[in-house]
PDB file of N, CA and C in Angstrom:
ATOM      1  N   MET A   1      91.829  99.559  86.443  1.00  0.00           N
ATOM      2  CA  MET A   1      90.509  99.131  86.845  1.00  0.00           C
ATOM      3  C   MET A   1      90.448  99.075  88.367  1.00  0.00           C
ATOM      4  N   THR A   2      89.419  99.655  88.945  1.00  0.00           N
ATOM      5  CA  THR A   2      89.291  99.651  90.392  1.00  0.00           C
ATOM      6  C   THR A   2      88.507  98.431  90.850  1.00  0.00           C
ATOM      7  N   LYS A   3      88.843  97.965  92.043  1.00  0.00           N
ATOM      8  CA  LYS A   3      88.138  96.828  92.618  1.00  0.00           C
ATOM      9  C   LYS A   3      86.888  97.325  93.332  1.00  0.00           C
ATOM     10  N   ASN A   4      85.851  96.525  93.291  1.00  0.00           N
ATOM     11  CA  ASN A   4      84.657  96.829  94.062  1.00  0.00           C
ATOM     12  C   ASN A   4      84.923  96.399  95.500  1.00  0.00           C
ATOM     13  N   ARG A   5      84.794  97.326  96.413  1.00  0.00           N
ATOM     14  CA  ARG A   5      85.073  97.056  97.816  1.00  0.00           C
ATOM     15  C   ARG A   5      83.890  97.483  98.664  1.00  0.00           C
ATOM     16  N   ASN A   6      83.661  96.733  99.726  1.00  0.00           N
ATOM     17  CA  ASN A   6      82.654  97.160 100.687  1.00  0.00           C
ATOM     18  C   ASN A   6      83.080  98.502 101.253  1.00  0.00           C
ATOM     19  N   GLN A   7      82.109  99.353 101.542  1.00  0.00           N
ATOM     20  CA  GLN A   7      82.383 100.701 102.032  1.00  0.00           C
ATOM     21  C   GLN A   7      82.127 100.771 103.538  1.00  0.00           C
ATOM     22  N   HIS A   8      83.046 101.418 104.252  1.00  0.00           N
ATOM     23  CA  HIS A   8      82.940 101.568 105.699  1.00  0.00           C
ATOM     24  C   HIS A   8      82.883 103.051 106.052  1.00  0.00           C
ATOM     25  N   VAL A   9      81.957 103.405 106.934  1.00  0.00           N
ATOM     26  CA  VAL A   9      81.872 104.755 107.499  1.00  0.00           C
ATOM     27  C   VAL A   9      82.477 104.646 108.889  1.00  0.00           C
ATOM     28  N   VAL A  10      83.614 105.327 109.096  1.00  0.00           N
ATOM     29  CA  VAL A  10      84.365 105.179 110.342  1.00  0.00           C
ATOM     30  C   VAL A  10      84.709 106.537 110.956  1.00  0.00           C
ATOM     31  N   PRO A  11      84.876 106.562 112.287  1.00  0.00           N
ATOM     32  CA  PRO A  11      85.300 107.813 112.926  1.00  0.00           C
ATOM     33  C   PRO A  11      86.687 108.222 112.430  1.00  0.00           C
ATOM     34  N   HIS A  12      86.918 109.530 112.362  1.00  0.00           N
ATOM     35  CA  HIS A  12      88.189 110.082 111.882  1.00  0.00           C
ATOM     36  C   HIS A  12      88.512 111.301 112.743  1.00  0.00           C
ATOM     37  N   SER A  13      89.761 111.622 112.865  1.00  0.00           N
ATOM     38  CA  SER A  13      90.161 112.766 113.697  1.00  0.00           C
ATOM     39  C   SER A  13      89.536 114.083 113.236  1.00  0.00           C
ATOM     40  N   GLU A  14      89.158 114.163 111.964  1.00  0.00           N
ATOM     41  CA  GLU A  14      88.554 115.381 111.422  1.00  0.00           C
ATOM     42  C   GLU A  14      87.047 115.234 111.193  1.00  0.00           C
ATOM     43  N   GLY A  15      86.436 114.190 111.735  1.00  0.00           N
ATOM     44  CA  GLY A  15      85.001 113.967 111.563  1.00  0.00           C
ATOM     45  C   GLY A  15      84.718 112.504 111.303  1.00  0.00           C
ATOM     46  N   TRP A  16      84.260 112.218 110.075  1.00  0.00           N
ATOM     47  CA  TRP A  16      83.926 110.859 109.658  1.00  0.00           C
ATOM     48  C   TRP A  16      84.551 110.579 108.302  1.00  0.00           C
ATOM     49  N   ALA A  17      84.987 109.333 108.106  1.00  0.00           N
ATOM     50  CA  ALA A  17      85.634 108.958 106.855  1.00  0.00           C
ATOM     51  C   ALA A  17      84.880 107.836 106.167  1.00  0.00           C
ATOM     52  N   VAL A  18      84.938 107.835 104.848  1.00  0.00           N
ATOM     53  CA  VAL A  18      84.452 106.739 104.026  1.00  0.00           C
ATOM     54  C   VAL A  18      85.696 106.017 103.526  1.00  0.00           C
ATOM     55  N   LYS A  19      85.775 104.719 103.817  1.00  0.00           N
ATOM     56  CA  LYS A  19      86.939 103.937 103.408  1.00  0.00           C
ATOM     57  C   LYS A  19      86.487 102.661 102.721  1.00  0.00           C
ATOM     58  N   GLY A  20      87.176 102.305 101.655  1.00  0.00           N
ATOM     59  CA  GLY A  20      86.955 101.005 101.024  1.00  0.00           C
ATOM     60  C   GLY A  20      87.618  99.938 101.870  1.00  0.00           C
ATOM     61  N   ALA A  21      87.018  98.762 101.942  1.00  0.00           N
ATOM     62  CA  ALA A  21      87.570  97.665 102.744  1.00  0.00           C
ATOM     63  C   ALA A  21      89.012  97.386 102.338  1.00  0.00           C
ATOM     64  N   GLY A  22      89.884  97.300 103.319  1.00  0.00           N
ATOM     65  CA  GLY A  22      91.289  97.007 103.082  1.00  0.00           C
ATOM     66  C   GLY A  22      92.141  98.201 102.693  1.00  0.00           C
ATOM     67  N   SER A  23      91.544  99.365 102.549  1.00  0.00           N
ATOM     68  CA  SER A  23      92.287 100.561 102.160  1.00  0.00           C
ATOM     69  C   SER A  23      92.889 101.245 103.383  1.00  0.00           C
ATOM     70  N   GLU A  24      94.084 101.737 103.223  1.00  0.00           N
ATOM     71  CA  GLU A  24      94.744 102.499 104.287  1.00  0.00           C
ATOM     72  C   GLU A  24      94.192 103.919 104.348  1.00  0.00           C
ATOM     73  N   ARG A  25      93.963 104.496 103.187  1.00  0.00           N
ATOM     74  CA  ARG A  25      93.535 105.895 103.098  1.00  0.00           C
ATOM     75  C   ARG A  25      92.025 105.996 102.923  1.00  0.00           C
ATOM     76  N   ALA A  26      91.495 107.073 103.426  1.00  0.00           N
ATOM     77  CA  ALA A  26      90.063 107.339 103.290  1.00  0.00           C
ATOM     78  C   ALA A  26      89.750 107.816 101.878  1.00  0.00           C
ATOM     79  N   THR A  27      88.609 107.402 101.367  1.00  0.00           N
ATOM     80  CA  THR A  27      88.123 107.898 100.084  1.00  0.00           C
ATOM     81  C   THR A  27      87.711 109.351 100.235  1.00  0.00           C
ATOM     82  N   LYS A  28      87.058 109.659 101.372  1.00  0.00           N
ATOM     83  CA  LYS A  28      86.558 111.010 101.632  1.00  0.00           C
ATOM     84  C   LYS A  28      86.432 111.192 103.138  1.00  0.00           C
ATOM     85  N   VAL A  29      86.787 112.390 103.626  1.00  0.00           N
ATOM     86  CA  VAL A  29      86.603 112.752 105.029  1.00  0.00           C
ATOM     87  C   VAL A  29      85.652 113.942 105.078  1.00  0.00           C
ATOM     88  N   VAL A  30      84.607 113.824 105.904  1.00  0.00           N
ATOM     89  CA  VAL A  30      83.595 114.866 106.028  1.00  0.00           C
ATOM     90  C   VAL A  30      83.330 115.145 107.505  1.00  0.00           C
ATOM     91  N   GLU A  31      82.562 116.199 107.779  1.00  0.00           N
ATOM     92  CA  GLU A  31      82.304 116.600 109.164  1.00  0.00           C
ATOM     93  C   GLU A  31      81.303 115.715 109.886  1.00  0.00           C
ATOM     94  N   THR A  32      80.255 115.262 109.176  1.00  0.00           N
ATOM     95  CA  THR A  32      79.196 114.530 109.864  1.00  0.00           C
ATOM     96  C   THR A  32      79.093 113.080 109.390  1.00  0.00           C
ATOM     97  N   GLN A  33      78.592 112.238 110.291  1.00  0.00           N
ATOM     98  CA  GLN A  33      78.377 110.842 109.939  1.00  0.00           C
ATOM     99  C   GLN A  33      77.294 110.729 108.868  1.00  0.00           C
ATOM    100  N   ARG A  34      76.272 111.556 108.960  1.00  0.00           N
ATOM    101  CA  ARG A  34      75.185 111.529 107.980  1.00  0.00           C
ATOM    102  C   ARG A  34      75.711 111.765 106.566  1.00  0.00           C
ATOM    103  N   GLU A  35      76.591 112.730 106.420  1.00  0.00           N
ATOM    104  CA  GLU A  35      77.174 113.028 105.104  1.00  0.00           C
ATOM    105  C   GLU A  35      78.022 111.852 104.612  1.00  0.00           C
ATOM    106  N   ALA A  36      78.790 111.256 105.519  1.00  0.00           N
ATOM    107  CA  ALA A  36      79.625 110.110 105.157  1.00  0.00           C
ATOM    108  C   ALA A  36      78.767 108.925 104.728  1.00  0.00           C
ATOM    109  N   ILE A  37      77.647 108.710 105.412  1.00  0.00           N
ATOM    110  CA  ILE A  37      76.744 107.612 105.052  1.00  0.00           C
ATOM    111  C   ILE A  37      76.194 107.820 103.647  1.00  0.00           C
ATOM    112  N   GLY A  38      75.820 109.036 103.316  1.00  0.00           N
ATOM    113  CA  GLY A  38      75.308 109.330 101.973  1.00  0.00           C
ATOM    114  C   GLY A  38      76.329 109.025 100.891  1.00  0.00           C
ATOM    115  N   ILE A  39      77.567 109.392 101.145  1.00  0.00           N
ATOM    116  CA  ILE A  39      78.642 109.141 100.169  1.00  0.00           C
ATOM    117  C   ILE A  39      78.893 107.643 100.038  1.00  0.00           C
ATOM    118  N   ALA A  40      79.005 106.963 101.187  1.00  0.00           N
ATOM    119  CA  ALA A  40      79.269 105.518 101.177  1.00  0.00           C
ATOM    120  C   ALA A  40      78.126 104.765 100.504  1.00  0.00           C
ATOM    121  N   ARG A  41      76.887 105.172 100.755  1.00  0.00           N
ATOM    122  CA  ARG A  41      75.723 104.522 100.142  1.00  0.00           C
ATOM    123  C   ARG A  41      75.790 104.645  98.619  1.00  0.00           C
ATOM    124  N   GLY A  42      76.109 105.832  98.132  1.00  0.00           N
ATOM    125  CA  GLY A  42      76.210 106.030  96.689  1.00  0.00           C
ATOM    126  C   GLY A  42      77.268 105.148  96.051  1.00  0.00           C
ATOM    127  N   ILE A  43      78.414 105.041  96.694  1.00  0.00           N
ATOM    128  CA  ILE A  43      79.496 104.192  96.167  1.00  0.00           C
ATOM    129  C   ILE A  43      79.076 102.728  96.201  1.00  0.00           C
ATOM    130  N   ALA A  44      78.502 102.289  97.324  1.00  0.00           N
ATOM    131  CA  ALA A  44      78.094 100.891  97.473  1.00  0.00           C
ATOM    132  C   ALA A  44      77.007 100.520  96.460  1.00  0.00           C
ATOM    133  N   GLN A  45      76.070 101.422  96.216  1.00  0.00           N
ATOM    134  CA  GLN A  45      75.022 101.149  95.241  1.00  0.00           C
ATOM    135  C   GLN A  45      75.605 101.038  93.833  1.00  0.00           C
ATOM    136  N   LYS A  46      76.508 101.933  93.514  1.00  0.00           N
ATOM    137  CA  LYS A  46      77.121 101.925  92.183  1.00  0.00           C
ATOM    138  C   LYS A  46      77.942 100.654  91.959  1.00  0.00           C
ATOM    139  N   GLN A  47      78.655 100.221  93.002  1.00  0.00           N
ATOM    140  CA  GLN A  47      79.515  99.040  92.889  1.00  0.00           C
ATOM    141  C   GLN A  47      78.799  97.742  93.240  1.00  0.00           C
ATOM    142  N   GLU A  48      77.538  97.853  93.715  1.00  0.00           N
ATOM    143  CA  GLU A  48      76.761  96.695  94.154  1.00  0.00           C
ATOM    144  C   GLU A  48      77.503  95.914  95.236  1.00  0.00           C
ATOM    145  N   THR A  49      77.924  96.635  96.279  1.00  0.00           N
ATOM    146  CA  THR A  49      78.631  96.037  97.405  1.00  0.00           C
ATOM    147  C   THR A  49      77.866  96.327  98.692  1.00  0.00           C
ATOM    148  N   GLU A  50      78.530  96.161  99.839  1.00  0.00           N
ATOM    149  CA  GLU A  50      77.900  96.425 101.121  1.00  0.00           C
ATOM    150  C   GLU A  50      78.456  97.687 101.749  1.00  0.00           C
ATOM    151  N   MET A  51      77.659  98.272 102.646  1.00  0.00           N
ATOM    152  CA  MET A  51      78.078  99.449 103.400  1.00  0.00           C
ATOM    153  C   MET A  51      77.993  99.098 104.881  1.00  0.00           C
ATOM    154  N   PHE A  52      79.058  99.398 105.620  1.00  0.00           N
ATOM    155  CA  PHE A  52      79.118  99.170 107.052  1.00  0.00           C
ATOM    156  C   PHE A  52      79.222 100.516 107.752  1.00  0.00           C
ATOM    157  N   ILE A  53      78.352 100.759 108.715  1.00  0.00           N
ATOM    158  CA  ILE A  53      78.383 101.999 109.478  1.00  0.00           C
ATOM    159  C   ILE A  53      78.912 101.679 110.867  1.00  0.00           C
ATOM    160  N   HIS A  54      80.016 102.324 111.235  1.00  0.00           N
ATOM    161  CA  HIS A  54      80.634 102.123 112.536  1.00  0.00           C
ATOM    162  C   HIS A  54      80.195 103.252 113.469  1.00  0.00           C
ATOM    163  N   GLY A  55      80.069 102.942 114.745  1.00  0.00           N
ATOM    164  CA  GLY A  55      79.757 103.961 115.737  1.00  0.00           C
ATOM    165  C   GLY A  55      81.019 104.694 116.162  1.00  0.00           C
ATOM    166  N   GLU A  56      80.874 105.631 117.084  1.00  0.00           N
ATOM    167  CA  GLU A  56      82.029 106.395 117.566  1.00  0.00           C
ATOM    168  C   GLU A  56      83.072 105.498 118.221  1.00  0.00           C
ATOM    169  N   ASN A  57      82.642 104.348 118.754  1.00  0.00           N
ATOM    170  CA  ASN A  57      83.564 103.411 119.389  1.00  0.00           C
ATOM    171  C   ASN A  57      84.273 102.517 118.370  1.00  0.00           C
ATOM    172  N   GLY A  58      83.942 102.656 117.096  1.00  0.00           N
ATOM    173  CA  GLY A  58      84.587 101.888 116.044  1.00  0.00           C
ATOM    174  C   GLY A  58      83.903 100.575 115.714  1.00  0.00           C
ATOM    175  N   ARG A  59      82.932 100.158 116.514  1.00  0.00           N
ATOM    176  CA  ARG A  59      82.240  98.893 116.273  1.00  0.00           C
ATOM    177  C   ARG A  59      81.137  99.085 115.234  1.00  0.00           C
ATOM    178  N   ILE A  60      80.915  98.054 114.430  1.00  0.00           N
ATOM    179  CA  ILE A  60      79.874  98.103 113.413  1.00  0.00           C
ATOM    180  C   ILE A  60      78.519  98.155 114.103  1.00  0.00           C
ATOM    181  N   ARG A  61      77.701  99.136 113.709  1.00  0.00           N
ATOM    182  CA  ARG A  61      76.369  99.257 114.307  1.00  0.00           C
ATOM    183  C   ARG A  61      75.258  99.003 113.299  1.00  0.00           C
ATOM    184  N   GLU A  62      75.609  99.012 112.013  1.00  0.00           N
ATOM    185  CA  GLU A  62      74.605  98.779 110.970  1.00  0.00           C
ATOM    186  C   GLU A  62      75.313  98.378 109.689  1.00  0.00           C
ATOM    187  N   ARG A  63      74.622  97.565 108.887  1.00  0.00           N
ATOM    188  CA  ARG A  63      75.162  97.221 107.570  1.00  0.00           C
ATOM    189  C   ARG A  63      74.023  97.122 106.585  1.00  0.00           C
ATOM    190  N   ASN A  64      74.315  97.484 105.346  1.00  0.00           N
ATOM    191  CA  ASN A  64      73.325  97.443 104.273  1.00  0.00           C
ATOM    192  C   ASN A  64      73.964  96.836 103.039  1.00  0.00           C
ATOM    193  N   SER A  65      73.225  95.973 102.368  1.00  0.00           N
ATOM    194  CA  SER A  65      73.718  95.324 101.165  1.00  0.00           C
ATOM    195  C   SER A  65      73.052  95.940  99.939  1.00  0.00           C
ATOM    196  N   TYR A  66      73.855  96.295  98.960  1.00  0.00           N
ATOM    197  CA  TYR A  66      73.343  96.843  97.719  1.00  0.00           C
ATOM    198  C   TYR A  66      73.717  95.955  96.532  1.00  0.00           C
ATOM    199  N   GLY A  67      74.126  94.742  96.842  1.00  0.00           N
ATOM    200  CA  GLY A  67      74.503  93.803  95.792  1.00  0.00           C
ATOM    201  C   GLY A  67      73.315  93.026  95.286  1.00  0.00           C
ATOM    202  N   LYS A  68      73.591  92.045  94.495  1.00  0.00           N
ATOM    203  CA  LYS A  68      72.541  91.192  93.952  1.00  0.00           C
ATOM    204  C   LYS A  68      72.245  90.112  94.978  1.00  0.00           C
ATOM    205  N   ASP A  69      71.359  90.431  95.886  1.00  0.00           N
ATOM    206  CA  ASP A  69      71.005  89.534  96.969  1.00  0.00           C
ATOM    207  C   ASP A  69      69.962  88.543  96.466  1.00  0.00           C
ATOM    208  N   HIS A  70      70.249  87.278  96.591  1.00  0.00           N
ATOM    209  CA  HIS A  70      69.340  86.242  96.125  1.00  0.00           C
ATOM    210  C   HIS A  70      68.486  85.702  97.258  1.00  0.00           C
ATOM    211  N   TYR A  71      68.052  86.582  98.130  1.00  0.00           N
ATOM    212  CA  TYR A  71      67.200  86.158  99.235  1.00  0.00           C
ATOM    213  C   TYR A  71      65.792  86.658  98.991  1.00  0.00           C
ATOM    214  N   PRO A  72      64.769  85.909  99.124  1.00  0.00           N
ATOM    215  CA  PRO A  72      64.839  84.505  99.504  1.00  0.00           C
ATOM    216  C   PRO A  72      65.368  83.652  98.353  1.00  0.00           C
ATOM    217  N   PRO A  73      66.055  82.589  98.707  1.00  0.00           N
ATOM    218  CA  PRO A  73      66.635  81.740  97.653  1.00  0.00           C
ATOM    219  C   PRO A  73      65.543  81.086  96.787  1.00  0.00           C
ATOM    220  N   LYS A  74      65.869  80.885  95.532  1.00  0.00           N
ATOM    221  CA  LYS A  74      64.913  80.244  94.629  1.00  0.00           C
ATOM    222  C   LYS A  74      64.781  78.770  95.002  1.00  0.00           C
ATOM    223  N   GLY A  75      63.592  78.230  94.812  1.00  0.00           N
ATOM    224  CA  GLY A  75      63.420  76.795  95.037  1.00  0.00           C
ATOM    225  C   GLY A  75      62.516  76.517  96.095  1.00  0.00           C
TER     226      GLY A  75
END
């Protein structure tokens, strides 16, 4: 059984990589950031987790949640 992990789009020597949080190895390496975002979004939506998009400098520049967000809170 695989764990649901937040997905990160990060720079890679061969382009851009999609990595699950805490993973050493990339799930997928592609040429463009746009392609990596599409792959990461699909995984995050399926697993109901978050997606983090890193810039070329490695810093997080955007994040999206595809989980069961209870905002605004009930009550």
